[in-house]
C-alpha atoms as a PDB file:
ATOM      1  CA  MET A   1      35.390  36.343  12.665  1.00  0.00           C
ATOM      2  CA  SER A   2      36.119  33.725  10.036  1.00  0.00           C
ATOM      3  CA  ASP A   3      34.124  31.782   7.722  1.00  0.00           C
ATOM      4  CA  ALA A   4      35.014  28.669   9.711  1.00  0.00           C
ATOM      5  CA  GLU A   5      33.701  30.357  13.097  1.00  0.00           C
ATOM      6  CA  LEU A   6      30.550  31.266  11.293  1.00  0.00           C
ATOM      7  CA  GLN A   7      29.888  27.695  10.305  1.00  0.00           C
ATOM      8  CA  LEU A   8      30.469  26.149  13.818  1.00  0.00           C
ATOM      9  CA  TRP A   9      28.300  28.964  15.184  1.00  0.00           C
ATOM     10  CA  ILE A  10      25.238  28.074  12.532  1.00  0.00           C
ATOM     11  CA  GLU A  11      25.476  24.438  13.268  1.00  0.00           C
ATOM     12  CA  ASN A  12      25.310  24.982  17.193  1.00  0.00           C
ATOM     13  CA  VAL A  13      22.249  27.317  17.071  1.00  0.00           C
ATOM     14  CA  SER A  14      20.650  24.862  14.547  1.00  0.00           C
ATOM     15  CA  LEU A  15      21.111  21.900  17.016  1.00  0.00           C
ATOM     16  CA  GLU A  16      20.060  24.052  20.003  1.00  0.00           C
ATOM     17  CA  PHE A  17      17.120  26.025  18.735  1.00  0.00           C
ATOM     18  CA  PHE A  18      15.753  23.562  15.942  1.00  0.00           C
ATOM     19  CA  GLY A  19      17.156  20.024  17.196  1.00  0.00           C
ATOM     20  CA  ILE A  20      18.248  19.210  13.439  1.00  0.00           C
ATOM     21  CA  PRO A  21      21.842  19.538  12.092  1.00  0.00           C
ATOM     22  CA  PHE A  22      22.891  22.208   9.788  1.00  0.00           C
ATOM     23  CA  ARG A  23      24.663  20.070   6.846  1.00  0.00           C
ATOM     24  CA  HIS A  24      25.596  22.902   4.212  1.00  0.00           C
ATOM     25  CA  LYS A  25      27.791  25.609   3.855  1.00  0.00           C
ATOM     26  CA  ALA A  26      27.802  29.124   5.768  1.00  0.00           C
ATOM     27  CA  PHE A  27      29.893  31.855   4.913  1.00  0.00           C
ATOM     28  CA  PHE A  28      29.805  35.723   5.379  1.00  0.00           C
ATOM     29  CA  ASN A  29      29.472  37.805   2.195  1.00  0.00           C
ATOM     30  CA  THR A  30      30.335  41.453   1.912  1.00  0.00           C
ATOM     31  CA  ARG A  31      27.982  42.173  -0.948  1.00  0.00           C
ATOM     32  CA  LEU A  32      25.076  42.122   0.772  1.00  0.00           C
ATOM     33  CA  ARG A  33      23.881  45.524   1.227  1.00  0.00           C
ATOM     34  CA  THR A  34      20.394  45.713   2.288  1.00  0.00           C
ATOM     35  CA  THR A  35      19.804  42.290   3.624  1.00  0.00           C
ATOM     36  CA  GLY A  36      21.222  40.650   6.946  1.00  0.00           C
ATOM     37  CA  GLY A  37      21.635  37.398   5.384  1.00  0.00           C
ATOM     38  CA  ARG A  38      20.638  34.954   2.672  1.00  0.00           C
ATOM     39  CA  TYR A  39      19.484  31.348   2.261  1.00  0.00           C
ATOM     40  CA  ALA A  40      19.882  30.132  -1.096  1.00  0.00           C
ATOM     41  CA  LEU A  41      17.435  27.462  -2.422  1.00  0.00           C
ATOM     42  CA  ARG A  42      19.353  25.493  -4.888  1.00  0.00           C
ATOM     43  CA  THR A  43      22.464  25.007  -3.020  1.00  0.00           C
ATOM     44  CA  HIS A  44      21.116  25.231   0.628  1.00  0.00           C
ATOM     45  CA  HIS A  45      23.845  27.460   1.844  1.00  0.00           C
ATOM     46  CA  ILE A  46      23.262  30.525   4.039  1.00  0.00           C
ATOM     47  CA  GLU A  47      24.996  33.879   3.217  1.00  0.00           C
ATOM     48  CA  ILE A  48      25.169  36.479   6.409  1.00  0.00           C
ATOM     49  CA  ASN A  49      26.106  40.173   6.061  1.00  0.00           C
ATOM     50  CA  PRO A  50      29.495  40.684   8.029  1.00  0.00           C
ATOM     51  CA  HIS A  51      28.289  44.490   8.113  1.00  0.00           C
ATOM     52  CA  GLN A  52      25.523  43.562  10.456  1.00  0.00           C
ATOM     53  CA  LEU A  53      28.090  41.776  13.035  1.00  0.00           C
ATOM     54  CA  GLU A  54      30.397  44.840  13.120  1.00  0.00           C
ATOM     55  CA  ALA A  55      27.253  47.438  13.445  1.00  0.00           C
ATOM     56  CA  HIS A  56      24.986  45.645  15.906  1.00  0.00           C
ATOM     57  CA  GLY A  57      26.832  42.509  17.359  1.00  0.00           C
ATOM     58  CA  ARG A  58      26.558  39.023  17.847  1.00  0.00           C
ATOM     59  CA  GLU A  59      23.065  39.036  19.466  1.00  0.00           C
ATOM     60  CA  GLU A  60      21.514  40.756  16.190  1.00  0.00           C
ATOM     61  CA  VAL A  61      23.427  38.492  14.063  1.00  0.00           C
ATOM     62  CA  GLU A  62      21.961  35.086  16.132  1.00  0.00           C
ATOM     63  CA  GLY A  63      18.598  36.477  15.199  1.00  0.00           C
ATOM     64  CA  ILE A  64      19.589  36.815  11.560  1.00  0.00           C
ATOM     65  CA  ILE A  65      20.841  33.005  11.663  1.00  0.00           C
ATOM     66  CA  LYS A  66      17.686  31.814  13.286  1.00  0.00           C
ATOM     67  CA  HIS A  67      15.808  33.701  10.447  1.00  0.00           C
ATOM     68  CA  GLU A  68      17.950  31.982   7.978  1.00  0.00           C
ATOM     69  CA  LEU A  69      17.721  28.401   9.463  1.00  0.00           C
ATOM     70  CA  CYS A  70      13.599  28.714   9.394  1.00  0.00           C
ATOM     71  CA  HIS A  71      14.014  28.964   5.706  1.00  0.00           C
ATOM     72  CA  TYR A  72      16.598  26.385   5.542  1.00  0.00           C
ATOM     73  CA  HIS A  73      14.842  23.610   7.351  1.00  0.00           C
ATOM     74  CA  LEU A  74      11.224  24.542   6.478  1.00  0.00           C
ATOM     75  CA  HIS A  75      12.410  24.392   2.597  1.00  0.00           C
ATOM     76  CA  ILE A  76      14.460  20.767   3.377  1.00  0.00           C
ATOM     77  CA  ALA A  77      11.304  19.731   5.171  1.00  0.00           C
ATOM     78  CA  GLY A  78       8.927  20.591   2.436  1.00  0.00           C
ATOM     79  CA  GLY A  79       7.321  22.880   4.662  1.00  0.00           C
ATOM     80  CA  GLY A  80       6.166  26.903   3.814  1.00  0.00           C
ATOM     81  CA  TYR A  81       9.871  28.336   3.957  1.00  0.00           C
ATOM     82  CA  LYS A  82       8.601  31.992   2.574  1.00  0.00           C
ATOM     83  CA  HIS A  83       8.103  34.828   4.650  1.00  0.00           C
ATOM     84  CA  ARG A  84       4.325  35.212   4.089  1.00  0.00           C
ATOM     85  CA  ASP A  85       3.759  31.054   5.037  1.00  0.00           C
ATOM     86  CA  GLY A  86       2.121  30.464   8.400  1.00  0.00           C
ATOM     87  CA  ASP A  87       4.784  27.643   8.936  1.00  0.00           C
ATOM     88  CA  PHE A  88       7.609  29.982   8.870  1.00  0.00           C
ATOM     89  CA  LYS A  89       5.873  32.790  10.874  1.00  0.00           C
ATOM     90  CA  ARG A  90       5.330  29.992  13.805  1.00  0.00           C
ATOM     91  CA  LEU A  91       8.411  28.647  13.471  1.00  0.00           C
ATOM     92  CA  LEU A  92      10.424  31.894  13.692  1.00  0.00           C
ATOM     93  CA  ALA A  93       8.162  32.842  16.749  1.00  0.00           C
ATOM     94  CA  ARG A  94       9.059  29.866  18.455  1.00  0.00           C
ATOM     95  CA  VAL A  95      12.815  29.927  17.757  1.00  0.00           C
ATOM     96  CA  GLY A  96      13.057  33.784  18.786  1.00  0.00           C
ATOM     97  CA  GLY A  97      14.421  34.479  15.248  1.00  0.00           C
ATOM     98  CA  SER A  98      14.378  38.322  13.962  1.00  0.00           C
ATOM     99  CA  ARG A  99      11.746  39.191  11.366  1.00  0.00           C
ATOM    100  CA  TYR A 100      13.475  42.217  10.128  1.00  0.00           C
ATOM    101  CA  CYS A 101      17.436  43.208  10.578  1.00  0.00           C
ATOM    102  CA  GLN A 102      18.280  46.620  11.882  1.00  0.00           C
ATOM    103  CA  ALA A 103      19.292  48.919   9.355  1.00  0.00           C
ATOM    104  CA  LEU A 104      22.902  49.499   8.697  1.00  0.00           C
ATOM    105  CA  PRO A 105      24.573  53.193   8.829  1.00  0.00           C
ATOM    106  CA  ASP A 106      25.184  54.567   5.346  1.00  0.00           C
ATOM    107  CA  LYS A 107      28.795  54.737   5.057  1.00  0.00           C
ATOM    108  CA  ASN A 108      28.799  56.198   1.525  1.00  0.00           C
ATOM    109  CA  ARG A 109      26.600  58.941   2.149  1.00  0.00           C
ATOM    110  CA  ARG A 110      28.134  62.266   2.773  1.00  0.00           C
ATOM    111  CA  VAL A 111      26.901  65.447   3.916  1.00  0.00           C
ATOM    112  CA  LEU A 112      28.487  68.366   1.946  1.00  0.00           C
ATOM    113  CA  PRO A 113      28.800  71.486   4.280  1.00  0.00           C
ATOM    114  CA  PHE A 114      27.207  74.784   2.430  1.00  0.00           C
ATOM    115  CA  LYS A 115      30.033  76.811   0.492  1.00  0.00           C
ATOM    116  CA  TYR A 116      28.144  79.958  -0.592  1.00  0.00           C
ATOM    117  CA  LYS A 117      25.545  82.271   0.752  1.00  0.00           C
ATOM    118  CA  LEU A 118      23.253  84.590  -1.195  1.00  0.00           C
ATOM    119  CA  THR A 119      22.197  87.852   0.847  1.00  0.00           C
ATOM    120  CA  CYS A 120      19.565  90.023   0.008  1.00  0.00           C
ATOM    121  CA  ALA A 121      20.630  93.637  -0.200  1.00  0.00           C
ATOM    122  CA  ALA A 122      17.187  94.917   0.646  1.00  0.00           C
ATOM    123  CA  CYS A 123      15.943  92.681   3.353  1.00  0.00           C
ATOM    124  CA  GLY A 124      19.084  90.700   4.617  1.00  0.00           C
ATOM    125  CA  MET A 125      17.338  87.263   3.811  1.00  0.00           C
ATOM    126  CA  GLU A 126      19.956  84.331   3.623  1.00  0.00           C
ATOM    127  CA  TYR A 127      19.707  81.586   1.098  1.00  0.00           C
ATOM    128  CA  LYS A 128      22.931  78.973   1.582  1.00  0.00           C
ATOM    129  CA  ARG A 129      24.013  77.017  -1.365  1.00  0.00           C
ATOM    130  CA  LYS A 130      26.297  74.138  -1.653  1.00  0.00           C
ATOM    131  CA  ARG A 131      26.774  74.940  -5.799  1.00  0.00           C
ATOM    132  CA  ARG A 132      28.024  78.546  -7.203  1.00  0.00           C
ATOM    133  CA  ILE A 133      25.155  80.262  -8.944  1.00  0.00           C
ATOM    134  CA  ASP A 134      25.330  83.538 -10.875  1.00  0.00           C
ATOM    135  CA  ALA A 135      23.519  85.813  -8.270  1.00  0.00           C
ATOM    136  CA  SER A 136      22.802  88.598 -11.088  1.00  0.00           C
ATOM    137  CA  ARG A 137      20.471  86.182 -12.655  1.00  0.00           C
ATOM    138  CA  TYR A 138      18.097  85.863  -9.499  1.00  0.00           C
ATOM    139  CA  ARG A 139      16.148  88.112  -7.127  1.00  0.00           C
ATOM    140  CA  CYS A 140      15.210  87.662  -3.443  1.00  0.00           C
ATOM    141  CA  GLY A 141      11.986  85.373  -3.267  1.00  0.00           C
ATOM    142  CA  ARG A 142      10.673  87.712  -0.281  1.00  0.00           C
ATOM    143  CA  CYS A 143      11.323  90.845  -1.643  1.00  0.00           C
ATOM    144  CA  ALA A 144      12.641  90.717  -5.481  1.00  0.00           C
ATOM    145  CA  GLY A 145      15.477  92.642  -4.059  1.00  0.00           C
ATOM    146  CA  LYS A 146      18.935  91.938  -5.500  1.00  0.00           C
ATOM    147  CA  LEU A 147      21.543  88.970  -4.122  1.00  0.00           C
ATOM    148  CA  ARG A 148      25.043  89.147  -3.252  1.00  0.00           C
ATOM    149  CA  LEU A 149      26.937  85.992  -3.294  1.00  0.00           C
ATOM    150  CA  GLU A 150      29.453  85.318  -0.777  1.00  0.00           C
ATOM    151  CA  GLU A 151      31.773  82.417  -0.320  1.00  0.00           C
ATOM    152  CA  LEU A 152      31.693  81.107   3.208  1.00  0.00           C
ATOM    153  CA  ALA A 153      34.774  80.100   4.808  1.00  0.00           C
ATOM    154  CA  ALA A 154      36.021  76.011   5.165  1.00  0.00           C
ATOM    155  CA  GLY A 155      34.135  74.275   7.404  1.00  0.00           C
ATOM    156  CA  ASN A 156      31.630  76.954   7.942  1.00  0.00           C
ATOM    157  CA  GLY A 157      27.932  77.139   7.227  1.00  0.00           C
ATOM    158  CA  ASP A 158      26.484  73.839   8.269  1.00  0.00           C
END
């Protein structure tokens, strides 16, 4: 979806649910990470996180648009536009906007597999590690036996 299509979508939602036209700019902001959208007080522009559209679809983003339009229309009209204000809460409930957006999947977080295994020579207790350590410097936590270091095969030990 392009910024022009988003602009048209927000204008239509504003007229349909609020009965007031949206007269400022709306666009996608790929730098947003922890929020679904943002209303700028000085410029009155609305920014939407495009990752929400990819992850959760149009219905979720429409709830975010309604949320940001509540800020917009209340701020323009001089009402209580902040999250804690009663005016904001009532208008948000009336139009069916979302109070919070859904969390995005964390793409940057990788789960590394275990590469090493320490095995106690006395009791057989196993300790899995991602980093190599000097086994001669440590003892088993269960029985104080000597530890042997094994390197696990690639893709093994999760």
